[in-house]
């Protein structure tokens, strides 16, 4: 079953670029609301000008669609963000095909991120090429449970040093840390 979720966005964080006023995130066949929630939180965390949600790259040599992507001014891929499950084989191919792009994987919890990190080391993936972001699992599950067809989100702060995310989601305040791992 497919569905669409609407998010009205606002930002009170003056240090970051303005968020779009509204985004619609699709829940594709076989996906859960958790996948939609991961894409939303990743959008808040990684927001920058020219960031695109599930964009077709129109490149025959890259058969994947990123959850989030950003192109630089020369239209080269600068950022690739995967949300949730992602195979080690896919990450290995991305490092080759998107050699200039930052590659991030967003996971629901530190345990999931560490499991992926271990699998990447076992598979011998290039060190220093990937970044993992692990969300606070309790915060993630609470937000996931609040997702409706229409949602209101106000971002107050998102920082990487130290990693923290503060936002209001459908009238509830969230103040959570996240963990960054480099692989």
N, C-alpha and C. Protein backbone atom coordinates (compact mmCIF):
# COMPACT_ATOMS: atom_id res chain seq x y z
N UNK A 1 0.83 -1.18 0.00
CA UNK A 1 0.00 0.00 0.00
C UNK A 1 0.88 1.24 0.00
N UNK A 2 0.55 2.20 -0.81
CA UNK A 2 1.28 3.46 -0.88
C UNK A 2 0.48 4.56 -0.21
N UNK A 3 1.19 5.53 0.34
CA UNK A 3 0.54 6.66 1.00
C UNK A 3 1.46 7.87 0.87
N UNK A 4 0.89 9.04 1.09
CA UNK A 4 1.66 10.28 1.08
C UNK A 4 1.42 11.00 2.40
N UNK A 5 2.50 11.53 2.95
CA UNK A 5 2.44 12.27 4.20
C UNK A 5 2.92 13.69 3.94
N UNK A 6 2.15 14.64 4.44
CA UNK A 6 2.45 16.05 4.25
C UNK A 6 3.04 16.61 5.54
N UNK A 7 4.13 17.39 5.40
CA UNK A 7 4.79 17.99 6.55
C UNK A 7 4.93 19.49 6.29
N UNK A 8 4.24 20.30 7.08
CA UNK A 8 4.43 21.75 7.05
C UNK A 8 5.63 22.04 7.93
N UNK A 9 6.65 22.66 7.36
CA UNK A 9 7.91 22.88 8.06
C UNK A 9 8.13 24.35 8.37
N UNK A 10 8.73 24.61 9.53
CA UNK A 10 9.16 25.94 9.91
C UNK A 10 10.48 25.78 10.66
N UNK A 11 11.28 26.84 10.67
CA UNK A 11 12.55 26.78 11.37
C UNK A 11 12.76 28.03 12.20
N UNK A 12 13.19 27.82 13.42
CA UNK A 12 13.57 28.92 14.31
C UNK A 12 15.08 28.93 14.48
N UNK A 13 15.79 28.08 13.75
CA UNK A 13 17.24 27.99 13.81
C UNK A 13 17.82 28.94 12.77
N UNK A 14 18.29 30.09 13.19
CA UNK A 14 18.77 31.13 12.27
C UNK A 14 20.14 30.82 11.68
N UNK A 15 20.83 29.80 12.21
CA UNK A 15 22.16 29.46 11.71
C UNK A 15 22.09 28.55 10.49
N UNK A 16 20.90 28.07 10.17
CA UNK A 16 20.75 27.13 9.05
C UNK A 16 19.91 27.76 7.96
N UNK A 17 20.04 27.24 6.76
CA UNK A 17 19.24 27.70 5.63
C UNK A 17 17.76 27.42 5.92
N UNK A 18 16.90 28.27 5.39
CA UNK A 18 15.47 28.10 5.60
C UNK A 18 14.98 26.77 5.03
N UNK A 19 14.15 26.11 5.79
CA UNK A 19 13.52 24.88 5.33
C UNK A 19 12.44 25.21 4.30
N UNK A 20 12.11 24.28 3.44
CA UNK A 20 10.95 24.51 2.56
C UNK A 20 9.70 24.59 3.43
N UNK A 21 8.69 25.29 2.98
CA UNK A 21 7.47 25.45 3.78
C UNK A 21 6.70 24.15 3.91
N UNK A 22 6.82 23.28 2.90
CA UNK A 22 6.06 22.04 2.93
C UNK A 22 6.80 20.97 2.13
N UNK A 23 6.79 19.75 2.65
CA UNK A 23 7.30 18.61 1.89
C UNK A 23 6.28 17.48 1.96
N UNK A 24 6.25 16.71 0.93
CA UNK A 24 5.40 15.51 0.89
C UNK A 24 6.34 14.33 0.74
N UNK A 25 6.22 13.38 1.65
CA UNK A 25 7.07 12.19 1.62
C UNK A 25 6.18 10.99 1.34
N UNK A 26 6.55 10.26 0.31
CA UNK A 26 5.78 9.08 -0.10
C UNK A 26 6.19 7.85 0.70
N UNK A 27 5.18 7.07 1.03
CA UNK A 27 5.41 5.74 1.60
C UNK A 27 5.16 4.77 0.46
N UNK A 28 6.23 4.20 -0.05
CA UNK A 28 6.13 3.31 -1.20
C UNK A 28 5.65 1.93 -0.76
N UNK A 29 5.18 1.16 -1.72
CA UNK A 29 4.72 -0.20 -1.44
C UNK A 29 5.82 -0.97 -0.72
N UNK A 30 5.46 -1.64 0.34
CA UNK A 30 6.42 -2.42 1.12
C UNK A 30 7.15 -1.65 2.20
N UNK A 31 6.98 -0.34 2.23
CA UNK A 31 7.63 0.48 3.26
C UNK A 31 6.69 0.69 4.44
N UNK A 32 7.30 1.01 5.56
CA UNK A 32 6.53 1.32 6.77
C UNK A 32 6.59 2.82 7.04
N UNK A 33 5.82 3.26 8.01
CA UNK A 33 5.86 4.66 8.44
C UNK A 33 7.24 4.99 9.01
N UNK A 34 7.93 3.99 9.51
CA UNK A 34 9.28 4.21 10.03
C UNK A 34 10.21 4.75 8.94
N UNK A 35 10.08 4.25 7.72
CA UNK A 35 10.90 4.73 6.61
C UNK A 35 10.59 6.20 6.31
N UNK A 36 9.32 6.55 6.34
CA UNK A 36 8.91 7.95 6.12
C UNK A 36 9.50 8.83 7.22
N UNK A 37 9.43 8.35 8.46
CA UNK A 37 9.95 9.10 9.60
C UNK A 37 11.46 9.29 9.48
N UNK A 38 12.17 8.27 9.07
CA UNK A 38 13.62 8.39 8.87
C UNK A 38 13.95 9.45 7.82
N UNK A 39 13.21 9.45 6.72
CA UNK A 39 13.46 10.45 5.67
C UNK A 39 13.18 11.86 6.18
N UNK A 40 12.11 12.02 6.96
CA UNK A 40 11.80 13.34 7.51
C UNK A 40 12.91 13.81 8.44
N UNK A 41 13.32 12.98 9.38
CA UNK A 41 14.35 13.39 10.33
C UNK A 41 15.68 13.64 9.62
N UNK A 42 16.01 12.84 8.62
CA UNK A 42 17.22 13.07 7.84
C UNK A 42 17.14 14.41 7.10
N UNK A 43 15.97 14.73 6.58
CA UNK A 43 15.78 16.01 5.90
C UNK A 43 16.04 17.17 6.86
N UNK A 44 15.52 17.08 8.08
CA UNK A 44 15.75 18.13 9.07
C UNK A 44 17.23 18.25 9.43
N UNK A 45 17.88 17.13 9.61
CA UNK A 45 19.28 17.12 10.03
C UNK A 45 20.21 17.60 8.93
N UNK A 46 20.00 17.16 7.71
CA UNK A 46 20.92 17.45 6.61
C UNK A 46 20.49 18.63 5.75
N UNK A 47 19.42 19.34 6.11
CA UNK A 47 18.90 20.38 5.23
C UNK A 47 19.98 21.38 4.83
N UNK A 48 20.01 21.67 3.55
CA UNK A 48 20.88 22.68 2.95
C UNK A 48 20.28 23.02 1.59
N UNK A 49 20.67 24.13 1.01
CA UNK A 49 20.15 24.46 -0.32
C UNK A 49 20.44 23.35 -1.32
N UNK A 50 19.54 23.13 -2.22
CA UNK A 50 19.63 22.14 -3.30
C UNK A 50 19.51 20.70 -2.83
N UNK A 51 19.11 20.48 -1.59
CA UNK A 51 18.88 19.11 -1.12
C UNK A 51 17.58 18.61 -1.73
N UNK A 52 17.60 17.38 -2.24
CA UNK A 52 16.43 16.82 -2.92
C UNK A 52 16.06 15.49 -2.29
N UNK A 53 14.77 15.25 -2.21
CA UNK A 53 14.23 14.00 -1.68
C UNK A 53 13.98 13.02 -2.81
N UNK A 54 14.52 11.84 -2.70
CA UNK A 54 14.28 10.75 -3.65
C UNK A 54 14.29 11.21 -5.11
N UNK A 55 15.38 11.82 -5.48
CA UNK A 55 15.49 12.36 -6.83
C UNK A 55 16.09 11.33 -7.78
N UNK A 56 15.60 11.34 -8.99
CA UNK A 56 16.17 10.49 -10.04
C UNK A 56 17.45 11.17 -10.51
N UNK A 57 18.55 10.47 -10.44
CA UNK A 57 19.84 11.05 -10.79
C UNK A 57 20.06 11.18 -12.29
N UNK A 58 19.29 10.43 -13.08
CA UNK A 58 19.44 10.43 -14.54
C UNK A 58 20.87 10.08 -14.95
N UNK A 59 21.46 9.13 -14.23
CA UNK A 59 22.80 8.65 -14.54
C UNK A 59 22.72 7.13 -14.67
N UNK A 60 22.98 6.64 -15.86
CA UNK A 60 22.87 5.21 -16.13
C UNK A 60 23.83 4.38 -15.28
N UNK A 61 24.96 4.95 -14.90
CA UNK A 61 25.93 4.18 -14.13
C UNK A 61 25.59 4.09 -12.64
N UNK A 62 24.56 4.82 -12.19
CA UNK A 62 24.12 4.75 -10.79
C UNK A 62 22.67 4.29 -10.79
N UNK A 63 22.43 2.99 -10.59
CA UNK A 63 21.07 2.45 -10.70
C UNK A 63 20.22 2.64 -9.44
N UNK A 64 20.69 3.44 -8.49
CA UNK A 64 19.98 3.62 -7.22
C UNK A 64 19.34 5.00 -7.14
N UNK A 65 18.34 5.11 -6.26
CA UNK A 65 17.71 6.39 -5.97
C UNK A 65 18.01 6.71 -4.51
N UNK A 66 18.68 7.83 -4.25
CA UNK A 66 19.00 8.17 -2.86
C UNK A 66 17.76 8.66 -2.11
N UNK A 67 17.74 8.46 -0.80
CA UNK A 67 16.66 9.04 0.00
C UNK A 67 16.79 10.56 -0.02
N UNK A 68 18.02 11.06 0.12
CA UNK A 68 18.32 12.49 0.01
C UNK A 68 19.58 12.64 -0.83
N UNK A 69 19.63 13.68 -1.64
CA UNK A 69 20.82 13.95 -2.43
C UNK A 69 20.96 15.45 -2.62
N UNK A 70 22.20 15.88 -2.75
CA UNK A 70 22.49 17.27 -3.05
C UNK A 70 23.54 17.32 -4.14
N UNK A 71 23.33 18.20 -5.11
CA UNK A 71 24.29 18.42 -6.18
C UNK A 71 25.00 19.74 -5.93
N UNK A 72 26.28 19.82 -6.35
CA UNK A 72 26.99 21.08 -6.24
C UNK A 72 26.63 21.96 -7.44
N UNK A 73 27.28 23.10 -7.55
CA UNK A 73 26.93 24.03 -8.62
C UNK A 73 27.33 23.54 -10.01
N UNK A 74 28.22 22.55 -10.08
CA UNK A 74 28.59 21.95 -11.37
C UNK A 74 27.74 20.71 -11.65
N UNK A 75 26.69 20.52 -10.86
CA UNK A 75 25.76 19.40 -10.97
C UNK A 75 26.42 18.04 -10.73
N UNK A 76 27.46 18.04 -9.90
CA UNK A 76 28.06 16.79 -9.45
C UNK A 76 27.43 16.44 -8.11
N UNK A 77 27.26 15.17 -7.87
CA UNK A 77 26.67 14.72 -6.62
C UNK A 77 27.61 15.05 -5.46
N UNK A 78 27.12 15.81 -4.48
CA UNK A 78 27.94 16.22 -3.34
C UNK A 78 27.56 15.47 -2.06
N UNK A 79 26.30 15.01 -1.97
CA UNK A 79 25.82 14.35 -0.77
C UNK A 79 24.84 13.26 -1.15
N UNK A 80 24.99 12.08 -0.54
CA UNK A 80 24.08 10.96 -0.73
C UNK A 80 23.70 10.48 0.67
N UNK A 81 22.40 10.42 0.97
CA UNK A 81 21.93 9.97 2.28
C UNK A 81 20.99 8.79 2.09
N UNK A 82 21.33 7.68 2.74
CA UNK A 82 20.49 6.49 2.78
C UNK A 82 19.81 6.45 4.15
N UNK A 83 18.53 6.17 4.18
CA UNK A 83 17.78 6.10 5.43
C UNK A 83 17.33 4.66 5.68
N UNK A 84 17.72 4.11 6.81
CA UNK A 84 17.29 2.76 7.16
C UNK A 84 18.16 1.69 6.55
N UNK A 85 17.51 0.59 6.19
CA UNK A 85 18.23 -0.58 5.68
C UNK A 85 18.97 -0.25 4.39
N UNK A 86 20.20 -0.70 4.34
CA UNK A 86 21.04 -0.48 3.17
C UNK A 86 22.09 -1.59 3.18
N UNK A 87 22.25 -2.28 2.06
CA UNK A 87 23.20 -3.38 2.03
C UNK A 87 24.63 -2.87 1.94
N UNK A 88 25.53 -3.68 2.42
CA UNK A 88 26.96 -3.36 2.34
C UNK A 88 27.39 -3.31 0.88
N UNK A 89 26.85 -4.20 0.05
CA UNK A 89 27.19 -4.21 -1.37
C UNK A 89 26.79 -2.88 -2.04
N UNK A 90 25.62 -2.37 -1.68
CA UNK A 90 25.18 -1.09 -2.25
C UNK A 90 26.11 0.04 -1.81
N UNK A 91 26.50 0.05 -0.54
CA UNK A 91 27.41 1.09 -0.06
C UNK A 91 28.76 1.02 -0.77
N UNK A 92 29.23 -0.19 -1.02
CA UNK A 92 30.49 -0.36 -1.73
C UNK A 92 30.39 0.22 -3.14
N UNK A 93 29.28 -0.06 -3.82
CA UNK A 93 29.08 0.48 -5.18
C UNK A 93 28.96 1.99 -5.16
N UNK A 94 28.30 2.55 -4.13
CA UNK A 94 28.15 4.00 -4.05
C UNK A 94 29.51 4.68 -3.91
N UNK A 95 30.40 4.10 -3.13
CA UNK A 95 31.72 4.69 -2.95
C UNK A 95 32.47 4.79 -4.27
N UNK A 96 32.25 3.83 -5.16
CA UNK A 96 32.91 3.83 -6.47
C UNK A 96 32.20 4.77 -7.43
N UNK A 97 30.89 4.67 -7.50
CA UNK A 97 30.10 5.45 -8.47
C UNK A 97 29.98 6.93 -8.09
N UNK A 98 29.95 7.23 -6.80
CA UNK A 98 29.78 8.61 -6.31
C UNK A 98 31.04 9.02 -5.58
N UNK A 99 32.16 8.96 -6.25
CA UNK A 99 33.47 9.09 -5.60
C UNK A 99 33.70 10.44 -4.93
N UNK A 100 33.02 11.50 -5.33
CA UNK A 100 33.21 12.81 -4.70
C UNK A 100 32.17 13.13 -3.63
N UNK A 101 31.13 12.35 -3.55
CA UNK A 101 30.01 12.65 -2.64
C UNK A 101 30.28 12.16 -1.22
N UNK A 102 29.79 12.93 -0.26
CA UNK A 102 29.72 12.44 1.12
C UNK A 102 28.63 11.38 1.15
N UNK A 103 28.89 10.25 1.80
CA UNK A 103 27.89 9.20 1.89
C UNK A 103 27.53 9.01 3.35
N UNK A 104 26.23 9.18 3.65
CA UNK A 104 25.70 9.04 5.00
C UNK A 104 24.64 7.96 5.02
N UNK A 105 24.57 7.24 6.14
CA UNK A 105 23.50 6.28 6.37
C UNK A 105 22.88 6.64 7.71
N UNK A 106 21.57 6.85 7.71
CA UNK A 106 20.83 7.19 8.93
C UNK A 106 20.11 5.95 9.43
N UNK A 107 20.35 5.61 10.69
CA UNK A 107 19.73 4.42 11.28
C UNK A 107 18.93 4.84 12.52
N UNK A 108 17.97 4.00 12.89
CA UNK A 108 17.06 4.30 14.01
C UNK A 108 17.73 4.31 15.37
N UNK A 109 18.83 3.55 15.50
CA UNK A 109 19.45 3.42 16.82
C UNK A 109 20.95 3.19 16.66
N UNK A 110 21.66 3.38 17.76
CA UNK A 110 23.10 3.13 17.77
C UNK A 110 23.38 1.65 17.52
N UNK A 111 22.55 0.77 18.08
CA UNK A 111 22.75 -0.68 17.86
C UNK A 111 22.69 -1.02 16.38
N UNK A 112 21.73 -0.47 15.63
CA UNK A 112 21.63 -0.72 14.19
C UNK A 112 22.84 -0.16 13.45
N UNK A 113 23.29 1.04 13.85
CA UNK A 113 24.44 1.66 13.19
C UNK A 113 25.71 0.86 13.45
N UNK A 114 25.89 0.39 14.68
CA UNK A 114 27.08 -0.40 15.00
C UNK A 114 27.07 -1.74 14.28
N UNK A 115 25.88 -2.32 14.11
CA UNK A 115 25.76 -3.58 13.36
C UNK A 115 26.19 -3.37 11.91
N UNK A 116 25.75 -2.27 11.30
CA UNK A 116 26.15 -1.96 9.93
C UNK A 116 27.65 -1.67 9.86
N UNK A 117 28.16 -0.93 10.82
CA UNK A 117 29.59 -0.61 10.86
C UNK A 117 30.43 -1.89 10.90
N UNK A 118 30.02 -2.84 11.71
CA UNK A 118 30.73 -4.12 11.81
C UNK A 118 30.68 -4.88 10.48
N UNK A 119 29.50 -4.90 9.86
CA UNK A 119 29.36 -5.59 8.57
C UNK A 119 30.23 -4.93 7.50
N UNK A 120 30.34 -3.60 7.54
CA UNK A 120 31.18 -2.88 6.58
C UNK A 120 32.65 -3.23 6.78
N UNK A 121 33.07 -3.33 8.05
CA UNK A 121 34.47 -3.70 8.33
C UNK A 121 34.75 -5.11 7.87
N UNK A 122 33.82 -6.03 8.13
CA UNK A 122 34.00 -7.43 7.71
C UNK A 122 34.11 -7.55 6.20
N UNK A 123 33.34 -6.73 5.49
CA UNK A 123 33.34 -6.77 4.03
C UNK A 123 34.53 -6.03 3.42
N UNK A 124 35.30 -5.33 4.26
CA UNK A 124 36.49 -4.63 3.77
C UNK A 124 36.19 -3.36 3.00
N UNK A 125 35.10 -2.68 3.32
CA UNK A 125 34.79 -1.42 2.64
C UNK A 125 35.85 -0.37 2.98
N UNK A 126 36.03 0.56 2.07
CA UNK A 126 37.04 1.60 2.23
C UNK A 126 36.83 2.37 3.52
N UNK A 127 37.87 2.47 4.32
CA UNK A 127 37.77 3.21 5.58
C UNK A 127 37.81 4.71 5.31
N UNK A 128 37.11 5.46 6.14
CA UNK A 128 37.08 6.90 6.04
C UNK A 128 36.18 7.44 4.94
N UNK A 129 35.41 6.57 4.32
CA UNK A 129 34.56 6.98 3.18
C UNK A 129 33.10 7.20 3.56
N UNK A 130 32.68 6.63 4.67
CA UNK A 130 31.26 6.63 5.04
C UNK A 130 31.04 7.28 6.40
N UNK A 131 29.82 7.79 6.56
CA UNK A 131 29.39 8.36 7.84
C UNK A 131 28.09 7.68 8.23
N UNK A 132 27.97 7.31 9.49
CA UNK A 132 26.73 6.74 10.00
C UNK A 132 26.16 7.70 11.04
N UNK A 133 24.86 7.88 11.02
CA UNK A 133 24.16 8.71 11.99
C UNK A 133 23.12 7.83 12.67
N UNK A 134 23.23 7.70 13.99
CA UNK A 134 22.31 6.88 14.77
C UNK A 134 21.41 7.79 15.60
N UNK A 135 20.13 7.64 15.40
CA UNK A 135 19.15 8.44 16.15
C UNK A 135 18.92 7.86 17.53
N UNK A 136 18.34 8.66 18.40
CA UNK A 136 17.91 8.18 19.71
C UNK A 136 16.69 7.29 19.49
N UNK A 137 16.73 6.00 19.85
CA UNK A 137 15.64 5.09 19.50
C UNK A 137 14.31 5.43 20.15
N UNK A 138 14.33 5.93 21.39
CA UNK A 138 13.07 6.29 22.05
C UNK A 138 12.42 7.49 21.36
N UNK A 139 13.24 8.50 21.03
CA UNK A 139 12.72 9.66 20.31
C UNK A 139 12.17 9.24 18.96
N UNK A 140 12.91 8.40 18.25
CA UNK A 140 12.47 7.96 16.93
C UNK A 140 11.11 7.27 17.01
N UNK A 141 10.95 6.33 17.93
CA UNK A 141 9.70 5.58 18.05
C UNK A 141 8.53 6.49 18.43
N UNK A 142 8.79 7.48 19.27
CA UNK A 142 7.71 8.39 19.65
C UNK A 142 7.27 9.25 18.46
N UNK A 143 8.24 9.77 17.71
CA UNK A 143 7.90 10.56 16.52
C UNK A 143 7.17 9.69 15.51
N UNK A 144 7.66 8.48 15.27
CA UNK A 144 7.02 7.56 14.32
C UNK A 144 5.56 7.33 14.69
N UNK A 145 5.28 7.20 15.98
CA UNK A 145 3.92 6.98 16.44
C UNK A 145 3.01 8.19 16.28
N UNK A 146 3.61 9.37 16.11
CA UNK A 146 2.83 10.61 15.97
C UNK A 146 2.57 11.01 14.52
N UNK A 147 3.21 10.33 13.58
CA UNK A 147 3.07 10.70 12.16
C UNK A 147 1.64 10.48 11.70
N UNK A 148 1.07 11.53 11.10
CA UNK A 148 -0.28 11.50 10.54
C UNK A 148 -0.20 11.88 9.06
N UNK A 149 -1.34 11.88 8.38
CA UNK A 149 -1.34 12.29 6.97
C UNK A 149 -0.86 13.73 6.82
N UNK A 150 -1.24 14.62 7.75
CA UNK A 150 -0.79 16.02 7.75
C UNK A 150 -0.10 16.30 9.08
N UNK A 151 1.09 16.91 8.99
CA UNK A 151 1.92 17.11 10.17
C UNK A 151 2.50 18.51 10.21
N UNK A 152 2.78 18.98 11.43
CA UNK A 152 3.41 20.29 11.64
C UNK A 152 4.74 20.07 12.34
N UNK A 153 5.81 20.64 11.76
CA UNK A 153 7.15 20.47 12.32
C UNK A 153 7.85 21.83 12.39
N UNK A 154 8.40 22.15 13.57
CA UNK A 154 9.21 23.35 13.72
C UNK A 154 10.56 22.94 14.25
N UNK A 155 11.61 23.25 13.49
CA UNK A 155 12.98 22.95 13.89
C UNK A 155 13.52 24.11 14.71
N UNK A 156 14.09 23.80 15.86
CA UNK A 156 14.68 24.85 16.70
C UNK A 156 16.21 24.79 16.68
N UNK A 157 16.78 23.60 16.63
CA UNK A 157 18.23 23.49 16.58
C UNK A 157 18.62 22.11 16.03
N UNK A 158 19.68 22.12 15.25
CA UNK A 158 20.29 20.87 14.79
C UNK A 158 21.78 21.16 14.68
N UNK A 159 22.55 20.47 15.49
CA UNK A 159 23.98 20.69 15.52
C UNK A 159 24.71 19.35 15.45
N UNK A 160 25.89 19.38 14.86
CA UNK A 160 26.71 18.18 14.78
C UNK A 160 27.80 18.15 15.84
N UNK A 161 28.06 19.28 16.51
CA UNK A 161 29.11 19.32 17.52
C UNK A 161 28.67 20.16 18.71
N UNK A 162 28.14 19.57 19.75
CA UNK A 162 27.81 18.15 19.92
C UNK A 162 26.52 17.83 19.16
N UNK A 163 26.34 16.58 18.77
CA UNK A 163 25.16 16.20 17.99
C UNK A 163 23.86 16.32 18.80
N UNK A 164 22.96 17.19 18.35
CA UNK A 164 21.66 17.31 19.01
C UNK A 164 20.64 17.83 18.03
N UNK A 165 19.39 17.48 18.31
CA UNK A 165 18.27 17.86 17.47
C UNK A 165 17.13 18.30 18.37
N UNK A 166 16.63 19.53 18.15
CA UNK A 166 15.51 20.05 18.92
C UNK A 166 14.42 20.50 17.95
N UNK A 167 13.22 19.96 18.15
CA UNK A 167 12.13 20.30 17.26
C UNK A 167 10.79 20.04 17.94
N UNK A 168 9.77 20.66 17.37
CA UNK A 168 8.39 20.44 17.80
C UNK A 168 7.72 19.64 16.68
N UNK A 169 7.08 18.53 17.04
CA UNK A 169 6.41 17.70 16.05
C UNK A 169 4.97 17.51 16.49
N UNK A 170 4.05 18.04 15.69
CA UNK A 170 2.61 17.95 15.99
C UNK A 170 2.30 18.33 17.43
N UNK A 171 2.94 19.42 17.90
CA UNK A 171 2.65 19.96 19.22
C UNK A 171 3.44 19.36 20.37
N UNK A 172 4.32 18.40 20.11
CA UNK A 172 5.15 17.82 21.16
C UNK A 172 6.61 18.21 20.95
N UNK A 173 7.28 18.53 22.05
CA UNK A 173 8.67 18.99 22.03
C UNK A 173 9.62 17.79 22.09
N UNK A 174 10.65 17.82 21.24
CA UNK A 174 11.67 16.78 21.25
C UNK A 174 13.04 17.43 21.36
N UNK A 175 13.84 16.92 22.25
CA UNK A 175 15.21 17.38 22.47
C UNK A 175 16.05 16.12 22.60
N UNK A 176 16.73 15.72 21.54
CA UNK A 176 17.44 14.45 21.55
C UNK A 176 18.84 14.60 20.96
N UNK A 177 19.70 13.72 21.42
CA UNK A 177 21.03 13.63 20.86
C UNK A 177 21.03 12.53 19.80
N UNK A 178 22.00 12.60 18.91
CA UNK A 178 22.22 11.51 17.97
C UNK A 178 23.71 11.21 17.98
N UNK A 179 24.08 10.08 17.43
CA UNK A 179 25.47 9.63 17.46
C UNK A 179 26.03 9.58 16.04
N UNK A 180 27.25 10.03 15.89
CA UNK A 180 27.92 10.02 14.60
C UNK A 180 29.06 9.01 14.62
N UNK A 181 29.12 8.17 13.61
CA UNK A 181 30.20 7.20 13.47
C UNK A 181 30.83 7.38 12.10
N UNK A 182 32.12 7.28 12.03
CA UNK A 182 32.82 7.36 10.74
C UNK A 182 33.35 5.98 10.42
N UNK A 183 33.13 5.55 9.21
CA UNK A 183 33.59 4.22 8.80
C UNK A 183 34.57 4.33 7.66
